[in-house]
Amino acid sequence: MIAGSRAARSLMVTLALFAAPAACTGARAEGLDASKLPEPVRADYEVFARKCSKCHSLARPLGAGITDDEQWAMYVARMRRQPGSGIFADDEVAILRFLRFHAAELRKKKSGTQDAGGSP
């Protein structure tokens, strides 16, 4: 019985070692090209990408279609409270700045008033 329990533990450790890196890869590929963003929001986007991709793909918030700033504030506050999110108050401010920019861009696209420069 002891040998079986050691084997089970060994298997669990091995699986965890292989699963952990897999869980932390690929999320950024679904994000935006930061070089195409206006300079003032690039640093905020980087915080958003780094913090938010820890728990889910960036496609989740970017594709949420949220255009209301207050809804973003509630969303980010909820994510910040998640155990292990690593989102601190300063991060929340930067993340919200980027998401508000993103929401404004979505509103422009929906209303057909996007500028000729084609900001993302």
C-alpha atoms as a PDB file:
ATOM      1  CA  MET A   1       0.000   0.000   0.000  1.00  0.00           C
ATOM      2  CA  ILE A   2       2.838   2.399   0.820  1.00  0.00           C
ATOM      3  CA  ALA A   3       4.538   1.723  -2.519  1.00  0.00           C
ATOM      4  CA  GLY A   4       1.249   2.404  -4.312  1.00  0.00           C
ATOM      5  CA  SER A   5       0.806   5.675  -2.486  1.00  0.00           C
ATOM      6  CA  ARG A   6       4.360   6.712  -3.363  1.00  0.00           C
ATOM      7  CA  ALA A   7       3.743   5.850  -6.987  1.00  0.00           C
ATOM      8  CA  ALA A   8       0.525   7.872  -6.958  1.00  0.00           C
ATOM      9  CA  ARG A   9       2.303  10.861  -5.425  1.00  0.00           C
ATOM     10  CA  SER A  10       5.126  10.564  -7.935  1.00  0.00           C
ATOM     11  CA  LEU A  11       2.621  10.475 -10.781  1.00  0.00           C
ATOM     12  CA  MET A  12       0.793  13.522  -9.407  1.00  0.00           C
ATOM     13  CA  VAL A  13       4.034  15.495  -9.080  1.00  0.00           C
ATOM     14  CA  THR A  14       5.045  14.566 -12.622  1.00  0.00           C
ATOM     15  CA  LEU A  15       1.657  15.581 -14.004  1.00  0.00           C
ATOM     16  CA  ALA A  16       1.770  18.870 -12.100  1.00  0.00           C
ATOM     17  CA  LEU A  17       5.226  19.660 -13.470  1.00  0.00           C
ATOM     18  CA  PHE A  18       4.023  19.172 -17.034  1.00  0.00           C
ATOM     19  CA  ALA A  19       0.632  20.825 -16.567  1.00  0.00           C
ATOM     20  CA  ALA A  20       1.861  24.042 -14.910  1.00  0.00           C
ATOM     21  CA  PRO A  21       3.876  25.348 -17.881  1.00  0.00           C
ATOM     22  CA  ALA A  22       1.091  24.379 -20.273  1.00  0.00           C
ATOM     23  CA  ALA A  23      -1.425  26.368 -18.235  1.00  0.00           C
ATOM     24  CA  CYS A  24       0.735  29.484 -18.446  1.00  0.00           C
ATOM     25  CA  THR A  25       1.424  29.493 -22.181  1.00  0.00           C
ATOM     26  CA  GLY A  26      -0.462  30.724 -25.189  1.00  0.00           C
ATOM     27  CA  ALA A  27      -2.692  33.334 -23.571  1.00  0.00           C
ATOM     28  CA  ARG A  28      -0.751  36.310 -24.938  1.00  0.00           C
ATOM     29  CA  ALA A  29      -1.030  35.043 -28.500  1.00  0.00           C
ATOM     30  CA  GLU A  30      -4.689  36.032 -28.403  1.00  0.00           C
ATOM     31  CA  GLY A  31      -3.959  39.611 -27.375  1.00  0.00           C
ATOM     32  CA  LEU A  32      -3.288  42.733 -29.384  1.00  0.00           C
ATOM     33  CA  ASP A  33      -0.113  43.877 -31.112  1.00  0.00           C
ATOM     34  CA  ALA A  34       1.124  46.487 -28.623  1.00  0.00           C
ATOM     35  CA  SER A  35       3.168  48.230 -31.323  1.00  0.00           C
ATOM     36  CA  LYS A  36      -0.094  49.197 -33.059  1.00  0.00           C
ATOM     37  CA  LEU A  37      -1.514  50.823 -29.940  1.00  0.00           C
ATOM     38  CA  PRO A  38      -1.100  54.542 -29.239  1.00  0.00           C
ATOM     39  CA  GLU A  39       2.033  55.147 -27.165  1.00  0.00           C
ATOM     40  CA  PRO A  40       0.139  56.405 -24.068  1.00  0.00           C
ATOM     41  CA  VAL A  41      -1.739  53.095 -23.622  1.00  0.00           C
ATOM     42  CA  ARG A  42       1.062  50.627 -24.409  1.00  0.00           C
ATOM     43  CA  ALA A  43       2.355  50.385 -20.831  1.00  0.00           C
ATOM     44  CA  ASP A  44      -1.201  49.943 -19.550  1.00  0.00           C
ATOM     45  CA  TYR A  45      -1.787  47.217 -22.143  1.00  0.00           C
ATOM     46  CA  GLU A  46       1.381  45.424 -21.001  1.00  0.00           C
ATOM     47  CA  VAL A  47       0.105  45.393 -17.393  1.00  0.00           C
ATOM     48  CA  PHE A  48      -3.283  44.152 -18.640  1.00  0.00           C
ATOM     49  CA  ALA A  49      -1.646  41.417 -20.748  1.00  0.00           C
ATOM     50  CA  ARG A  50       0.704  40.261 -17.992  1.00  0.00           C
ATOM     51  CA  LYS A  51      -1.825  40.225 -15.157  1.00  0.00           C
ATOM     52  CA  CYS A  52      -4.971  39.110 -16.952  1.00  0.00           C
ATOM     53  CA  SER A  53      -3.326  36.268 -18.882  1.00  0.00           C
ATOM     54  CA  LYS A  54      -2.390  34.593 -15.591  1.00  0.00           C
ATOM     55  CA  CYS A  55      -5.922  33.254 -15.183  1.00  0.00           C
ATOM     56  CA  HIS A  56      -7.522  33.307 -18.642  1.00  0.00           C
ATOM     57  CA  SER A  57      -6.821  34.117 -22.264  1.00  0.00           C
ATOM     58  CA  LEU A  58      -6.744  37.750 -23.280  1.00  0.00           C
ATOM     59  CA  ALA A  59      -9.431  36.942 -25.829  1.00  0.00           C
ATOM     60  CA  ARG A  60     -11.892  36.649 -22.946  1.00  0.00           C
ATOM     61  CA  PRO A  61     -11.853  40.307 -21.849  1.00  0.00           C
ATOM     62  CA  LEU A  62     -10.953  41.688 -25.294  1.00  0.00           C
ATOM     63  CA  GLY A  63     -13.839  39.847 -26.900  1.00  0.00           C
ATOM     64  CA  ALA A  64     -16.340  40.513 -24.119  1.00  0.00           C
ATOM     65  CA  GLY A  65     -17.826  43.421 -26.047  1.00  0.00           C
ATOM     66  CA  ILE A  66     -18.095  45.521 -22.891  1.00  0.00           C
ATOM     67  CA  THR A  67     -18.311  49.208 -23.767  1.00  0.00           C
ATOM     68  CA  ASP A  68     -19.443  50.521 -20.386  1.00  0.00           C
ATOM     69  CA  ASP A  69     -16.647  51.853 -18.152  1.00  0.00           C
ATOM     70  CA  GLU A  70     -18.514  51.035 -14.936  1.00  0.00           C
ATOM     71  CA  GLN A  71     -19.005  47.446 -16.014  1.00  0.00           C
ATOM     72  CA  TRP A  72     -15.242  47.188 -16.615  1.00  0.00           C
ATOM     73  CA  ALA A  73     -14.582  48.620 -13.150  1.00  0.00           C
ATOM     74  CA  MET A  74     -16.781  45.942 -11.552  1.00  0.00           C
ATOM     75  CA  TYR A  75     -15.218  43.221 -13.712  1.00  0.00           C
ATOM     76  CA  VAL A  76     -11.625  44.162 -12.842  1.00  0.00           C
ATOM     77  CA  ALA A  77     -12.462  44.569  -9.137  1.00  0.00           C
ATOM     78  CA  ARG A  78     -13.926  41.059  -9.151  1.00  0.00           C
ATOM     79  CA  MET A  79     -10.850  39.656 -10.921  1.00  0.00           C
ATOM     80  CA  ARG A  80      -8.571  41.439  -8.444  1.00  0.00           C
ATOM     81  CA  ARG A  81     -10.271  39.624  -5.562  1.00  0.00           C
ATOM     82  CA  GLN A  82      -9.578  36.218  -7.109  1.00  0.00           C
ATOM     83  CA  PRO A  83      -6.977  34.276  -5.123  1.00  0.00           C
ATOM     84  CA  GLY A  84      -3.625  34.328  -6.867  1.00  0.00           C
ATOM     85  CA  SER A  85      -4.599  36.997  -9.411  1.00  0.00           C
ATOM     86  CA  GLY A  86      -1.599  39.132  -8.505  1.00  0.00           C
ATOM     87  CA  ILE A  87      -3.564  42.259  -9.422  1.00  0.00           C
ATOM     88  CA  PHE A  88      -2.714  45.109  -7.046  1.00  0.00           C
ATOM     89  CA  ALA A  89      -4.359  48.547  -6.768  1.00  0.00           C
ATOM     90  CA  ASP A  90      -1.811  50.178  -9.111  1.00  0.00           C
ATOM     91  CA  ASP A  91      -2.323  47.357 -11.603  1.00  0.00           C
ATOM     92  CA  GLU A  92      -6.079  47.828 -11.420  1.00  0.00           C
ATOM     93  CA  VAL A  93      -5.692  51.505 -12.366  1.00  0.00           C
ATOM     94  CA  ALA A  94      -3.505  50.658 -15.386  1.00  0.00           C
ATOM     95  CA  ILE A  95      -5.749  47.781 -16.471  1.00  0.00           C
ATOM     96  CA  LEU A  96      -8.822  50.007 -16.292  1.00  0.00           C
ATOM     97  CA  ARG A  97      -7.099  52.751 -18.303  1.00  0.00           C
ATOM     98  CA  PHE A  98      -6.399  50.252 -21.060  1.00  0.00           C
ATOM     99  CA  LEU A  99      -9.874  48.682 -20.924  1.00  0.00           C
ATOM    100  CA  ARG A 100     -11.506  52.117 -21.040  1.00  0.00           C
ATOM    101  CA  PHE A 101      -9.428  52.910 -24.132  1.00  0.00           C
ATOM    102  CA  HIS A 102     -10.454  49.565 -25.639  1.00  0.00           C
ATOM    103  CA  ALA A 103     -14.130  50.202 -24.798  1.00  0.00           C
ATOM    104  CA  ALA A 104     -13.946  53.641 -26.437  1.00  0.00           C
ATOM    105  CA  GLU A 105     -12.482  52.043 -29.567  1.00  0.00           C
ATOM    106  CA  LEU A 106     -15.323  49.500 -29.608  1.00  0.00           C
ATOM    107  CA  ARG A 107     -17.876  52.293 -29.262  1.00  0.00           C
ATOM    108  CA  LYS A 108     -16.252  54.112 -32.195  1.00  0.00           C
ATOM    109  CA  LYS A 109     -16.412  50.983 -34.339  1.00  0.00           C
ATOM    110  CA  LYS A 110     -20.058  50.379 -33.445  1.00  0.00           C
ATOM    111  CA  SER A 111     -21.020  53.947 -34.285  1.00  0.00           C
ATOM    112  CA  GLY A 112     -18.870  54.013 -37.422  1.00  0.00           C
ATOM    113  CA  THR A 113     -16.810  57.007 -36.260  1.00  0.00           C
ATOM    114  CA  GLN A 114     -13.378  55.402 -36.099  1.00  0.00           C
ATOM    115  CA  ASP A 115     -10.676  57.807 -37.208  1.00  0.00           C
ATOM    116  CA  ALA A 116      -8.880  57.394 -40.528  1.00  0.00           C
ATOM    117  CA  GLY A 117      -5.746  56.224 -38.683  1.00  0.00           C
ATOM    118  CA  GLY A 118      -7.450  52.942 -37.822  1.00  0.00           C
ATOM    119  CA  SER A 119      -6.505  52.750 -34.161  1.00  0.00           C
ATOM    120  CA  PRO A 120      -7.166  49.268 -32.737  1.00  0.00           C
END
